[in-house]
Amino acid sequence: MQVNNNGGINFQAALASGDIQTIIQMVQSERVRLLDTQLVDQVKAVQARNDQIAKLNNVLSALTKFQGAISGTDPDSKVKDWGWDKVDQYEIPLNDAIKEAGITDIGFTGAGRVTPGPGESLDDGHGHVIRDQTNTCNGGTTKGQIDAAITKIKGLIDAESNNQQMDMLRLQSLNNKKNESIEILTNTQKKHTDANSNIIRNI
């Protein structure tokens, strides 16, 4: 195949040869190459979407666990007898999940603790303190805040799931187009080979 400086087919040179079968093969080969590239990108997009949904589900699981630790039904209710055991059991896992999902605002206020990252300090032997954020829970986080956060995360999961379905439809469409192009290319190559064989037999 002849390719120009932009990575596409050099149609002028192909047309000059006057070989229609070769031109068709060149076009279909280039189309298969482009579709392959698009398929790789789309698979990566699907994988990224799956990863984000998994991270959001981790946040939802940690929120639900935190919610279950609050015995009161009033929106201002909090986890009773808050201590280091509760920090390790509820606060740090939830804040880690929120951080991993890349959520910057979940409606929380105040300082919270996360697992220390590279170069971060271990404060009081229990996680690394992050201050003045809207995405970290602590002992003062209320039932109302947790309930609102759960509603928000469920909405994000639903949105990502809908986008995932669209991603899968696009992936299927690209795969179908690639298969069609391969079939056309294969048939064209067979016709070209058969034609050449006939010419040779008639010489």
C-alpha atoms as a PDB file:
ATOM      1  CA  MET A   1       0.000   0.000   0.000  1.00  0.00           C
ATOM      2  CA  GLN A   2       1.234   3.480  -0.846  1.00  0.00           C
ATOM      3  CA  VAL A   3       0.812   5.966   1.980  1.00  0.00           C
ATOM      4  CA  ASN A   4       1.167   9.752   1.935  1.00  0.00           C
ATOM      5  CA  ASN A   5       2.917  11.918   4.518  1.00  0.00           C
ATOM      6  CA  ASN A   6      -0.283  12.259   6.540  1.00  0.00           C
ATOM      7  CA  GLY A   7      -0.584   8.493   7.003  1.00  0.00           C
ATOM      8  CA  GLY A   8      -3.414   8.098   4.479  1.00  0.00           C
ATOM      9  CA  ILE A   9      -3.574   6.322   1.144  1.00  0.00           C
ATOM     10  CA  ASN A  10      -1.861   7.908  -1.871  1.00  0.00           C
ATOM     11  CA  PHE A  11      -4.923   7.652  -4.117  1.00  0.00           C
ATOM     12  CA  GLN A  12      -3.361   9.536  -7.050  1.00  0.00           C
ATOM     13  CA  ALA A  13      -0.571   7.002  -7.375  1.00  0.00           C
ATOM     14  CA  ALA A  14      -3.065   4.155  -6.958  1.00  0.00           C
ATOM     15  CA  LEU A  15      -5.427   5.531  -9.595  1.00  0.00           C
ATOM     16  CA  ALA A  16      -2.540   6.045 -11.990  1.00  0.00           C
ATOM     17  CA  SER A  17      -1.895   2.303 -11.908  1.00  0.00           C
ATOM     18  CA  GLY A  18      -5.409   1.702 -13.262  1.00  0.00           C
ATOM     19  CA  ASP A  19      -5.796  -1.432 -11.120  1.00  0.00           C
ATOM     20  CA  ILE A  20      -9.247  -1.132  -9.533  1.00  0.00           C
ATOM     21  CA  GLN A  21      -8.878  -4.315  -7.477  1.00  0.00           C
ATOM     22  CA  THR A  22      -5.659  -3.015  -5.938  1.00  0.00           C
ATOM     23  CA  ILE A  23      -7.319   0.314  -5.129  1.00  0.00           C
ATOM     24  CA  ILE A  24     -10.222  -1.464  -3.400  1.00  0.00           C
ATOM     25  CA  GLN A  25      -7.768  -3.553  -1.375  1.00  0.00           C
ATOM     26  CA  MET A  26      -5.860  -0.430  -0.377  1.00  0.00           C
ATOM     27  CA  VAL A  27      -9.022   1.368   0.705  1.00  0.00           C
ATOM     28  CA  GLN A  28     -10.312  -1.563   2.754  1.00  0.00           C
ATOM     29  CA  SER A  29      -6.894  -2.237   4.317  1.00  0.00           C
ATOM     30  CA  GLU A  30      -6.694   1.387   5.422  1.00  0.00           C
ATOM     31  CA  ARG A  31     -10.255   1.230   6.750  1.00  0.00           C
ATOM     32  CA  VAL A  32      -9.452  -1.890   8.775  1.00  0.00           C
ATOM     33  CA  ARG A  33      -6.366  -0.151  10.197  1.00  0.00           C
ATOM     34  CA  LEU A  34      -8.369   2.920  11.221  1.00  0.00           C
ATOM     35  CA  LEU A  35     -11.145   0.805  12.729  1.00  0.00           C
ATOM     36  CA  ASP A  36      -8.550  -1.196  14.675  1.00  0.00           C
ATOM     37  CA  THR A  37      -7.266   2.053  16.190  1.00  0.00           C
ATOM     38  CA  GLN A  38     -10.789   3.168  17.069  1.00  0.00           C
ATOM     39  CA  LEU A  39     -11.552  -0.226  18.594  1.00  0.00           C
ATOM     40  CA  VAL A  40      -8.482  -0.057  20.843  1.00  0.00           C
ATOM     41  CA  ASP A  41      -9.489   3.431  22.024  1.00  0.00           C
ATOM     42  CA  GLN A  42     -13.075   2.328  22.618  1.00  0.00           C
ATOM     43  CA  VAL A  43     -12.004  -0.739  24.606  1.00  0.00           C
ATOM     44  CA  LYS A  44      -9.867   1.541  26.791  1.00  0.00           C
ATOM     45  CA  ALA A  45     -12.877   3.828  27.301  1.00  0.00           C
ATOM     46  CA  VAL A  46     -15.041   0.869  28.326  1.00  0.00           C
ATOM     47  CA  GLN A  47     -12.381  -0.370  30.749  1.00  0.00           C
ATOM     48  CA  ALA A  48     -12.005   3.105  32.263  1.00  0.00           C
ATOM     49  CA  ARG A  49     -15.779   3.334  32.690  1.00  0.00           C
ATOM     50  CA  ASN A  50     -15.874  -0.094  34.369  1.00  0.00           C
ATOM     51  CA  ASP A  51     -13.068   0.942  36.715  1.00  0.00           C
ATOM     52  CA  GLN A  52     -14.887   4.139  37.702  1.00  0.00           C
ATOM     53  CA  ILE A  53     -18.145   2.284  38.350  1.00  0.00           C
ATOM     54  CA  ALA A  54     -16.241  -0.163  40.580  1.00  0.00           C
ATOM     55  CA  LYS A  55     -14.695   2.748  42.501  1.00  0.00           C
ATOM     56  CA  LEU A  56     -18.086   4.410  42.948  1.00  0.00           C
ATOM     57  CA  ASN A  57     -19.528   1.124  44.220  1.00  0.00           C
ATOM     58  CA  ASN A  58     -16.706   1.010  46.771  1.00  0.00           C
ATOM     59  CA  VAL A  59     -17.712   4.501  47.925  1.00  0.00           C
ATOM     60  CA  LEU A  60     -21.363   3.435  48.164  1.00  0.00           C
ATOM     61  CA  SER A  61     -20.403   0.349  50.177  1.00  0.00           C
ATOM     62  CA  ALA A  62     -18.325   2.425  52.617  1.00  0.00           C
ATOM     63  CA  LEU A  63     -21.107   5.017  52.929  1.00  0.00           C
ATOM     64  CA  THR A  64     -23.666   2.296  53.653  1.00  0.00           C
ATOM     65  CA  LYS A  65     -21.384   0.839  56.310  1.00  0.00           C
ATOM     66  CA  PHE A  66     -20.988   4.286  57.903  1.00  0.00           C
ATOM     67  CA  GLN A  67     -24.760   4.801  57.709  1.00  0.00           C
ATOM     68  CA  GLY A  68     -25.343   1.497  59.499  1.00  0.00           C
ATOM     69  CA  ALA A  69     -23.157   2.627  62.398  1.00  0.00           C
ATOM     70  CA  ILE A  70     -25.502   5.558  63.116  1.00  0.00           C
ATOM     71  CA  SER A  71     -28.252   4.358  65.439  1.00  0.00           C
ATOM     72  CA  GLY A  72     -30.294   7.565  65.460  1.00  0.00           C
ATOM     73  CA  THR A  73     -32.932   8.446  62.877  1.00  0.00           C
ATOM     74  CA  ASP A  74     -32.654  12.231  63.098  1.00  0.00           C
ATOM     75  CA  PRO A  75     -30.695  13.925  60.254  1.00  0.00           C
ATOM     76  CA  ASP A  76     -28.294  15.333  62.852  1.00  0.00           C
ATOM     77  CA  SER A  77     -27.570  11.898  64.355  1.00  0.00           C
ATOM     78  CA  LYS A  78     -23.930  10.791  64.448  1.00  0.00           C
ATOM     79  CA  VAL A  79     -21.981   7.628  65.223  1.00  0.00           C
ATOM     80  CA  LYS A  80     -21.984   7.214  69.002  1.00  0.00           C
ATOM     81  CA  ASP A  81     -18.867   6.735  71.116  1.00  0.00           C
ATOM     82  CA  TRP A  82     -16.552   7.941  68.350  1.00  0.00           C
ATOM     83  CA  GLY A  83     -12.958   6.885  68.944  1.00  0.00           C
ATOM     84  CA  TRP A  84      -9.858   5.630  67.146  1.00  0.00           C
ATOM     85  CA  ASP A  85     -11.540   2.287  66.503  1.00  0.00           C
ATOM     86  CA  LYS A  86     -14.312   4.087  64.607  1.00  0.00           C
ATOM     87  CA  VAL A  87     -11.721   6.164  62.729  1.00  0.00           C
ATOM     88  CA  ASP A  88     -10.033   2.979  61.512  1.00  0.00           C
ATOM     89  CA  GLN A  89     -13.301   1.128  60.850  1.00  0.00           C
ATOM     90  CA  TYR A  90     -15.412   3.813  59.159  1.00  0.00           C
ATOM     91  CA  GLU A  91     -13.648   7.121  58.537  1.00  0.00           C
ATOM     92  CA  ILE A  92     -10.424   6.089  56.809  1.00  0.00           C
ATOM     93  CA  PRO A  93     -11.975   3.403  54.523  1.00  0.00           C
ATOM     94  CA  LEU A  94     -14.698   5.826  53.357  1.00  0.00           C
ATOM     95  CA  ASN A  95     -12.295   8.704  52.780  1.00  0.00           C
ATOM     96  CA  ASP A  96      -9.898   6.404  50.918  1.00  0.00           C
ATOM     97  CA  ALA A  97     -12.718   5.226  48.643  1.00  0.00           C
ATOM     98  CA  ILE A  98     -13.844   8.811  47.954  1.00  0.00           C
ATOM     99  CA  LYS A  99     -10.284   9.851  47.148  1.00  0.00           C
ATOM    100  CA  GLU A 100      -9.742   6.834  44.867  1.00  0.00           C
ATOM    101  CA  ALA A 101     -12.928   7.661  42.940  1.00  0.00           C
ATOM    102  CA  GLY A 102     -11.715  11.224  42.365  1.00  0.00           C
ATOM    103  CA  ILE A 103     -14.727  12.819  44.055  1.00  0.00           C
ATOM    104  CA  THR A 104     -13.883  16.349  45.156  1.00  0.00           C
ATOM    105  CA  ASP A 105     -17.190  17.366  46.743  1.00  0.00           C
ATOM    106  CA  ILE A 106     -19.580  14.997  48.460  1.00  0.00           C
ATOM    107  CA  GLY A 107     -21.075  17.509  50.891  1.00  0.00           C
ATOM    108  CA  PHE A 108     -18.951  16.770  53.953  1.00  0.00           C
ATOM    109  CA  THR A 109     -17.240  19.450  56.047  1.00  0.00           C
ATOM    110  CA  GLY A 110     -14.193  19.575  58.280  1.00  0.00           C
ATOM    111  CA  ALA A 111     -11.011  17.549  58.532  1.00  0.00           C
ATOM    112  CA  GLY A 112     -10.829  13.829  57.841  1.00  0.00           C
ATOM    113  CA  ARG A 113      -8.264  11.057  57.767  1.00  0.00           C
ATOM    114  CA  VAL A 114      -7.035   8.939  54.864  1.00  0.00           C
ATOM    115  CA  THR A 115      -4.374   6.276  54.478  1.00  0.00           C
ATOM    116  CA  PRO A 116      -1.073   8.179  54.138  1.00  0.00           C
ATOM    117  CA  GLY A 117       0.293   8.377  50.610  1.00  0.00           C
ATOM    118  CA  PRO A 118       3.973   8.645  49.628  1.00  0.00           C
ATOM    119  CA  GLY A 119       5.596  11.436  51.610  1.00  0.00           C
ATOM    120  CA  GLU A 120       2.522  12.021  53.808  1.00  0.00           C
ATOM    121  CA  SER A 121       2.678  11.904  57.588  1.00  0.00           C
ATOM    122  CA  LEU A 122       0.972   9.364  59.837  1.00  0.00           C
ATOM    123  CA  ASP A 123      -0.911  11.518  62.338  1.00  0.00           C
ATOM    124  CA  ASP A 124      -1.504  10.165  65.854  1.00  0.00           C
ATOM    125  CA  GLY A 125      -0.918   6.673  64.497  1.00  0.00           C
ATOM    126  CA  HIS A 126      -4.205   6.728  62.589  1.00  0.00           C
ATOM    127  CA  GLY A 127      -4.144   7.938  58.994  1.00  0.00           C
ATOM    128  CA  HIS A 128      -3.134  11.263  57.507  1.00  0.00           C
ATOM    129  CA  VAL A 129      -5.264  14.319  58.315  1.00  0.00           C
ATOM    130  CA  ILE A 130      -6.740  16.289  55.402  1.00  0.00           C
ATOM    131  CA  ARG A 131      -8.218  19.652  56.365  1.00  0.00           C
ATOM    132  CA  ASP A 132     -10.770  22.064  54.911  1.00  0.00           C
ATOM    133  CA  GLN A 133     -12.166  19.666  52.317  1.00  0.00           C
ATOM    134  CA  THR A 134     -15.714  18.840  51.212  1.00  0.00           C
ATOM    135  CA  ASN A 135     -14.962  15.193  50.489  1.00  0.00           C
ATOM    136  CA  THR A 136     -13.783  13.832  53.847  1.00  0.00           C
ATOM    137  CA  CYS A 137     -15.938  12.421  56.631  1.00  0.00           C
ATOM    138  CA  ASN A 138     -15.130  12.402  60.335  1.00  0.00           C
ATOM    139  CA  GLY A 139     -16.770  11.780  63.689  1.00  0.00           C
ATOM    140  CA  GLY A 140     -18.936  14.847  63.200  1.00  0.00           C
ATOM    141  CA  THR A 141     -20.440  13.650  59.931  1.00  0.00           C
ATOM    142  CA  THR A 142     -24.213  13.402  60.326  1.00  0.00           C
ATOM    143  CA  LYS A 143     -26.813  10.935  59.101  1.00  0.00           C
ATOM    144  CA  GLY A 144     -28.244  13.658  56.876  1.00  0.00           C
ATOM    145  CA  GLN A 145     -24.870  14.177  55.205  1.00  0.00           C
ATOM    146  CA  ILE A 146     -24.370  10.444  54.731  1.00  0.00           C
ATOM    147  CA  ASP A 147     -27.882  10.000  53.306  1.00  0.00           C
ATOM    148  CA  ALA A 148     -27.337  12.880  50.860  1.00  0.00           C
ATOM    149  CA  ALA A 149     -23.953  11.455  49.842  1.00  0.00           C
ATOM    150  CA  ILE A 150     -25.515   8.036  49.185  1.00  0.00           C
ATOM    151  CA  THR A 151     -28.144   9.634  46.937  1.00  0.00           C
ATOM    152  CA  LYS A 152     -25.426  11.518  45.043  1.00  0.00           C
ATOM    153  CA  ILE A 153     -23.244   8.430  44.550  1.00  0.00           C
ATOM    154  CA  LYS A 154     -26.198   6.350  43.357  1.00  0.00           C
ATOM    155  CA  GLY A 155     -26.911   9.065  40.794  1.00  0.00           C
ATOM    156  CA  LEU A 156     -23.292   9.006  39.617  1.00  0.00           C
ATOM    157  CA  ILE A 157     -23.381   5.210  39.312  1.00  0.00           C
ATOM    158  CA  ASP A 158     -26.604   5.359  37.279  1.00  0.00           C
ATOM    159  CA  ALA A 159     -25.104   7.983  34.960  1.00  0.00           C
ATOM    160  CA  GLU A 160     -21.919   5.970  34.464  1.00  0.00           C
ATOM    161  CA  SER A 161     -23.949   2.801  33.830  1.00  0.00           C
ATOM    162  CA  ASN A 162     -25.987   4.565  31.138  1.00  0.00           C
ATOM    163  CA  ASN A 163     -22.794   5.841  29.517  1.00  0.00           C
ATOM    164  CA  GLN A 164     -21.354   2.331  29.754  1.00  0.00           C
ATOM    165  CA  GLN A 165     -24.271   0.984  27.715  1.00  0.00           C
ATOM    166  CA  MET A 166     -23.612   3.609  25.033  1.00  0.00           C
ATOM    167  CA  ASP A 167     -19.913   2.703  25.073  1.00  0.00           C
ATOM    168  CA  MET A 168     -20.750  -0.972  24.540  1.00  0.00           C
ATOM    169  CA  LEU A 169     -23.100  -0.169  21.654  1.00  0.00           C
ATOM    170  CA  ARG A 170     -20.390   1.901  19.993  1.00  0.00           C
ATOM    171  CA  LEU A 171     -17.871  -0.900  20.570  1.00  0.00           C
ATOM    172  CA  GLN A 172     -20.211  -3.426  18.952  1.00  0.00           C
ATOM    173  CA  SER A 173     -20.820  -1.087  16.012  1.00  0.00           C
ATOM    174  CA  LEU A 174     -17.095  -0.588  15.440  1.00  0.00           C
ATOM    175  CA  ASN A 175     -16.483  -4.327  15.650  1.00  0.00           C
ATOM    176  CA  ASN A 176     -19.239  -4.987  13.092  1.00  0.00           C
ATOM    177  CA  LYS A 177     -17.772  -2.397  10.735  1.00  0.00           C
ATOM    178  CA  LYS A 178     -14.331  -3.955  11.087  1.00  0.00           C
ATOM    179  CA  ASN A 179     -15.685  -7.435  10.346  1.00  0.00           C
ATOM    180  CA  GLU A 180     -17.494  -6.095   7.275  1.00  0.00           C
ATOM    181  CA  SER A 181     -14.309  -4.433   6.034  1.00  0.00           C
ATOM    182  CA  ILE A 182     -12.282  -7.600   6.578  1.00  0.00           C
ATOM    183  CA  GLU A 183     -14.881  -9.607   4.662  1.00  0.00           C
ATOM    184  CA  ILE A 184     -14.811  -7.150   1.754  1.00  0.00           C
ATOM    185  CA  LEU A 185     -11.009  -7.125   1.798  1.00  0.00           C
ATOM    186  CA  THR A 186     -10.842 -10.931   1.842  1.00  0.00           C
ATOM    187  CA  ASN A 187     -13.314 -11.250  -1.030  1.00  0.00           C
ATOM    188  CA  THR A 188     -11.467  -8.613  -3.055  1.00  0.00           C
ATOM    189  CA  GLN A 189      -8.122 -10.308  -2.490  1.00  0.00           C
ATOM    190  CA  LYS A 190      -9.635 -13.648  -3.554  1.00  0.00           C
ATOM    191  CA  LYS A 191     -11.037 -12.116  -6.747  1.00  0.00           C
ATOM    192  CA  HIS A 192      -7.670 -10.509  -7.461  1.00  0.00           C
ATOM    193  CA  THR A 193      -5.852 -13.796  -6.905  1.00  0.00           C
ATOM    194  CA  ASP A 194      -8.341 -15.708  -9.057  1.00  0.00           C
ATOM    195  CA  ALA A 195      -8.027 -13.140 -11.851  1.00  0.00           C
ATOM    196  CA  ASN A 196      -4.234 -13.366 -11.797  1.00  0.00           C
ATOM    197  CA  SER A 197      -4.432 -17.162 -11.825  1.00  0.00           C
ATOM    198  CA  ASN A 198      -6.675 -17.061 -14.899  1.00  0.00           C
ATOM    199  CA  ILE A 199      -4.247 -14.749 -16.679  1.00  0.00           C
ATOM    200  CA  ILE A 200      -1.344 -17.064 -15.903  1.00  0.00           C
ATOM    201  CA  ARG A 201      -3.276 -20.119 -17.113  1.00  0.00           C
ATOM    202  CA  ASN A 202      -4.106 -18.375 -20.384  1.00  0.00           C
ATOM    203  CA  ILE A 203      -0.504 -17.412 -21.128  1.00  0.00           C
END
